Protein backbone atom coordinates (compact mmCIF):
# COMPACT_ATOMS: atom_id res chain seq x y z
CA MET A 1 87.22 130.81 87.49
CA THR A 2 85.65 130.88 90.84
CA LEU A 3 87.75 130.87 93.74
CA GLU A 4 86.32 130.93 97.05
CA VAL A 5 88.21 131.47 100.36
CA ASP A 6 86.82 131.10 103.60
CA SER A 7 86.98 133.23 107.18
CA GLU A 8 90.30 130.40 108.17
CA MET A 9 91.79 131.59 104.48
CA ASN A 10 91.94 127.95 103.16
CA ALA A 11 91.00 128.21 99.35
CA GLN A 12 88.91 126.40 97.36
CA VAL A 13 88.37 125.79 93.31
CA GLU A 14 85.72 124.87 91.60
CA GLU A 15 86.49 124.01 88.16
CA VAL A 16 87.67 120.54 88.11
CA GLY A 17 91.40 121.09 86.73
CA ALA A 18 91.98 124.45 87.78
CA GLU A 19 95.55 124.76 89.86
CA PRO A 20 95.95 128.04 90.49
CA LEU A 21 98.70 129.65 92.85
CA VAL A 22 97.86 131.01 96.38
CA PHE A 23 99.19 133.84 98.34
CA ILE A 24 97.69 135.26 101.16
CA PRO A 25 99.80 138.05 103.04
CA ASP A 26 100.37 137.67 106.38
CA VAL A 27 100.37 141.99 107.04
CA ALA A 28 100.34 142.93 111.16
CA LEU A 29 97.84 145.78 109.78
CA PHE A 30 98.98 148.26 112.08
CA ASP A 31 102.76 148.30 111.78
CA VAL A 32 102.68 149.62 108.47
CA GLU A 33 104.75 152.01 108.02
CA GLY A 34 104.65 152.67 103.88
CA PRO A 35 102.18 155.00 102.64
CA SER A 36 100.22 151.58 101.39
CA ILE A 37 100.79 147.62 102.54
CA VAL A 38 102.23 146.97 99.12
CA ASP A 39 105.16 149.36 100.07
CA ASP A 40 106.29 147.42 102.57
CA PHE A 41 106.45 144.32 101.13
């Protein structure tokens, strides 16, 4: 499956019938307190 995400975070799928779930987290990178972004979720 090919998933294209543009600079405005719009996702498009090329394959007919594919319905992926897309999650783009909204993270303030300079406010991350854990050792990684994953730890702050």
